[in-house]
Amino acid sequence: MPPALDQKNELDRTCAMLSALNVLVSAPTAVSWLAAGAGVPTLKLLYDRSWTAFGETYEPLGPSCRCVMPKARGDWADVFAQGRAFIAAL
């Protein structure tokens, strides 16, 4: 992260930096929403199902964001395997 970038108060510059990425892997945070809003392929790694996805595997309000949800709650090995497969397919 550039040291002069204030990620909380300079969201426009933060979003510009994120838009330079090929893919973003994140927890369900504001960073994942900023990247998805900029059209960056985004993987949101989740512990369980996502209520914000409304039953889909992507965020309907941020379609470039894929929700990586485990088949069984808390199965991180499954989540990371899905994430690796998605990145490999890019």
C-alpha atoms as a PDB file:
ATOM      1  CA  MET A   1       0.000   0.000   0.000  1.00  0.00           C
ATOM      2  CA  PRO A   2       1.443   3.407  -0.871  1.00  0.00           C
ATOM      3  CA  PRO A   3       2.367   5.133   2.415  1.00  0.00           C
ATOM      4  CA  ALA A   4       0.812   8.474   1.396  1.00  0.00           C
ATOM      5  CA  LEU A   5      -2.591   6.902   0.675  1.00  0.00           C
ATOM      6  CA  ASP A   6      -5.205   7.452   3.396  1.00  0.00           C
ATOM      7  CA  GLN A   7      -7.503   4.487   2.727  1.00  0.00           C
ATOM      8  CA  LYS A   8     -10.284   5.826   4.948  1.00  0.00           C
ATOM      9  CA  ASN A   9     -10.454   9.399   3.676  1.00  0.00           C
ATOM     10  CA  GLU A  10      -9.280   9.006   0.088  1.00  0.00           C
ATOM     11  CA  LEU A  11     -11.680   6.406  -1.240  1.00  0.00           C
ATOM     12  CA  ASP A  12     -11.325   7.720  -4.795  1.00  0.00           C
ATOM     13  CA  ARG A  13      -7.556   7.143  -4.788  1.00  0.00           C
ATOM     14  CA  THR A  14      -7.984   3.796  -3.030  1.00  0.00           C
ATOM     15  CA  CYS A  15     -10.502   2.699  -5.668  1.00  0.00           C
ATOM     16  CA  ALA A  16      -8.158   3.881  -8.445  1.00  0.00           C
ATOM     17  CA  MET A  17      -5.358   1.771  -6.975  1.00  0.00           C
ATOM     18  CA  LEU A  18      -7.641  -1.273  -6.681  1.00  0.00           C
ATOM     19  CA  SER A  19      -8.756  -0.882 -10.294  1.00  0.00           C
ATOM     20  CA  ALA A  20      -5.184  -1.660 -11.398  1.00  0.00           C
ATOM     21  CA  LEU A  21      -5.457  -5.202 -10.008  1.00  0.00           C
ATOM     22  CA  ASN A  22      -6.127  -8.303 -12.115  1.00  0.00           C
ATOM     23  CA  VAL A  23      -8.062  -9.896  -9.242  1.00  0.00           C
ATOM     24  CA  LEU A  24      -8.711  -9.104  -5.586  1.00  0.00           C
ATOM     25  CA  VAL A  25      -9.078 -11.750  -2.872  1.00  0.00           C
ATOM     26  CA  SER A  26     -10.659 -10.385   0.292  1.00  0.00           C
ATOM     27  CA  ALA A  27     -12.786 -11.006   3.305  1.00  0.00           C
ATOM     28  CA  PRO A  28     -16.242  -9.376   3.174  1.00  0.00           C
ATOM     29  CA  THR A  29     -14.985  -5.838   3.765  1.00  0.00           C
ATOM     30  CA  ALA A  30     -15.316  -2.406   2.211  1.00  0.00           C
ATOM     31  CA  VAL A  31     -12.268  -3.217   0.086  1.00  0.00           C
ATOM     32  CA  SER A  32     -14.173  -6.029  -1.641  1.00  0.00           C
ATOM     33  CA  TRP A  33     -17.073  -3.668  -2.410  1.00  0.00           C
ATOM     34  CA  LEU A  34     -14.764  -0.932  -3.737  1.00  0.00           C
ATOM     35  CA  ALA A  35     -12.941  -3.370  -6.022  1.00  0.00           C
ATOM     36  CA  ALA A  36     -16.183  -4.924  -7.279  1.00  0.00           C
ATOM     37  CA  GLY A  37     -17.614  -1.458  -7.882  1.00  0.00           C
ATOM     38  CA  ALA A  38     -14.572  -0.683 -10.036  1.00  0.00           C
ATOM     39  CA  GLY A  39     -15.211  -3.847 -12.050  1.00  0.00           C
ATOM     40  CA  VAL A  40     -12.219  -5.770 -10.694  1.00  0.00           C
ATOM     41  CA  PRO A  41     -12.822  -9.546 -10.517  1.00  0.00           C
ATOM     42  CA  THR A  42     -13.229  -9.982  -6.779  1.00  0.00           C
ATOM     43  CA  LEU A  43     -13.314 -13.119  -4.645  1.00  0.00           C
ATOM     44  CA  LYS A  44     -15.007 -12.619  -1.306  1.00  0.00           C
ATOM     45  CA  LEU A  45     -13.914 -15.484   0.963  1.00  0.00           C
ATOM     46  CA  LEU A  46     -16.699 -16.415   3.368  1.00  0.00           C
ATOM     47  CA  TYR A  47     -17.131 -18.638   6.425  1.00  0.00           C
ATOM     48  CA  ASP A  48     -20.735 -19.476   5.510  1.00  0.00           C
ATOM     49  CA  ARG A  49     -23.496 -18.349   3.166  1.00  0.00           C
ATOM     50  CA  SER A  50     -23.784 -14.653   2.280  1.00  0.00           C
ATOM     51  CA  TRP A  51     -27.117 -12.947   2.913  1.00  0.00           C
ATOM     52  CA  THR A  52     -26.041 -10.041   0.677  1.00  0.00           C
ATOM     53  CA  ALA A  53     -25.811 -12.430  -2.307  1.00  0.00           C
ATOM     54  CA  PHE A  54     -29.551 -13.235  -2.068  1.00  0.00           C
ATOM     55  CA  GLY A  55     -28.883 -16.944  -2.707  1.00  0.00           C
ATOM     56  CA  GLU A  56     -26.533 -16.334  -5.660  1.00  0.00           C
ATOM     57  CA  THR A  57     -22.798 -17.089  -5.936  1.00  0.00           C
ATOM     58  CA  TYR A  58     -22.077 -13.466  -6.828  1.00  0.00           C
ATOM     59  CA  GLU A  59     -23.126 -10.112  -5.395  1.00  0.00           C
ATOM     60  CA  PRO A  60     -26.163  -8.868  -7.389  1.00  0.00           C
ATOM     61  CA  LEU A  61     -25.211  -5.271  -6.525  1.00  0.00           C
ATOM     62  CA  GLY A  62     -21.578  -5.909  -7.500  1.00  0.00           C
ATOM     63  CA  PRO A  63     -21.632  -8.589 -10.222  1.00  0.00           C
ATOM     64  CA  SER A  64     -17.844  -8.739 -10.585  1.00  0.00           C
ATOM     65  CA  CYS A  65     -17.711 -10.026  -6.980  1.00  0.00           C
ATOM     66  CA  ARG A  66     -17.892 -13.781  -6.600  1.00  0.00           C
ATOM     67  CA  CYS A  67     -18.836 -15.080  -3.162  1.00  0.00           C
ATOM     68  CA  VAL A  68     -16.670 -18.080  -2.322  1.00  0.00           C
ATOM     69  CA  MET A  69     -18.825 -19.998   0.145  1.00  0.00           C
ATOM     70  CA  PRO A  70     -17.985 -23.394   1.628  1.00  0.00           C
ATOM     71  CA  LYS A  71     -20.248 -26.384   1.097  1.00  0.00           C
ATOM     72  CA  ALA A  72     -20.109 -26.933   4.875  1.00  0.00           C
ATOM     73  CA  ARG A  73     -20.002 -23.977   7.269  1.00  0.00           C
ATOM     74  CA  GLY A  74     -16.452 -23.080   8.242  1.00  0.00           C
ATOM     75  CA  ASP A  75     -14.723 -25.394   5.724  1.00  0.00           C
ATOM     76  CA  TRP A  76     -11.809 -23.099   4.864  1.00  0.00           C
ATOM     77  CA  ALA A  77     -10.040 -25.799   2.842  1.00  0.00           C
ATOM     78  CA  ASP A  78     -13.026 -25.836   0.480  1.00  0.00           C
ATOM     79  CA  VAL A  79     -13.104 -22.034   0.284  1.00  0.00           C
ATOM     80  CA  PHE A  80      -9.400 -21.791  -0.585  1.00  0.00           C
ATOM     81  CA  ALA A  81      -9.643 -24.632  -3.133  1.00  0.00           C
ATOM     82  CA  GLN A  82     -12.506 -22.811  -4.873  1.00  0.00           C
ATOM     83  CA  GLY A  83     -10.527 -19.569  -4.799  1.00  0.00           C
ATOM     84  CA  ARG A  84      -7.441 -21.219  -6.321  1.00  0.00           C
ATOM     85  CA  ALA A  85      -9.572 -22.765  -9.080  1.00  0.00           C
ATOM     86  CA  PHE A  86     -11.179 -19.405  -9.876  1.00  0.00           C
ATOM     87  CA  ILE A  87      -7.804 -17.629 -10.074  1.00  0.00           C
ATOM     88  CA  ALA A  88      -6.319 -20.414 -12.219  1.00  0.00           C
ATOM     89  CA  ALA A  89      -9.217 -20.032 -14.675  1.00  0.00           C
ATOM     90  CA  LEU A  90      -8.572 -16.298 -15.161  1.00  0.00           C
END
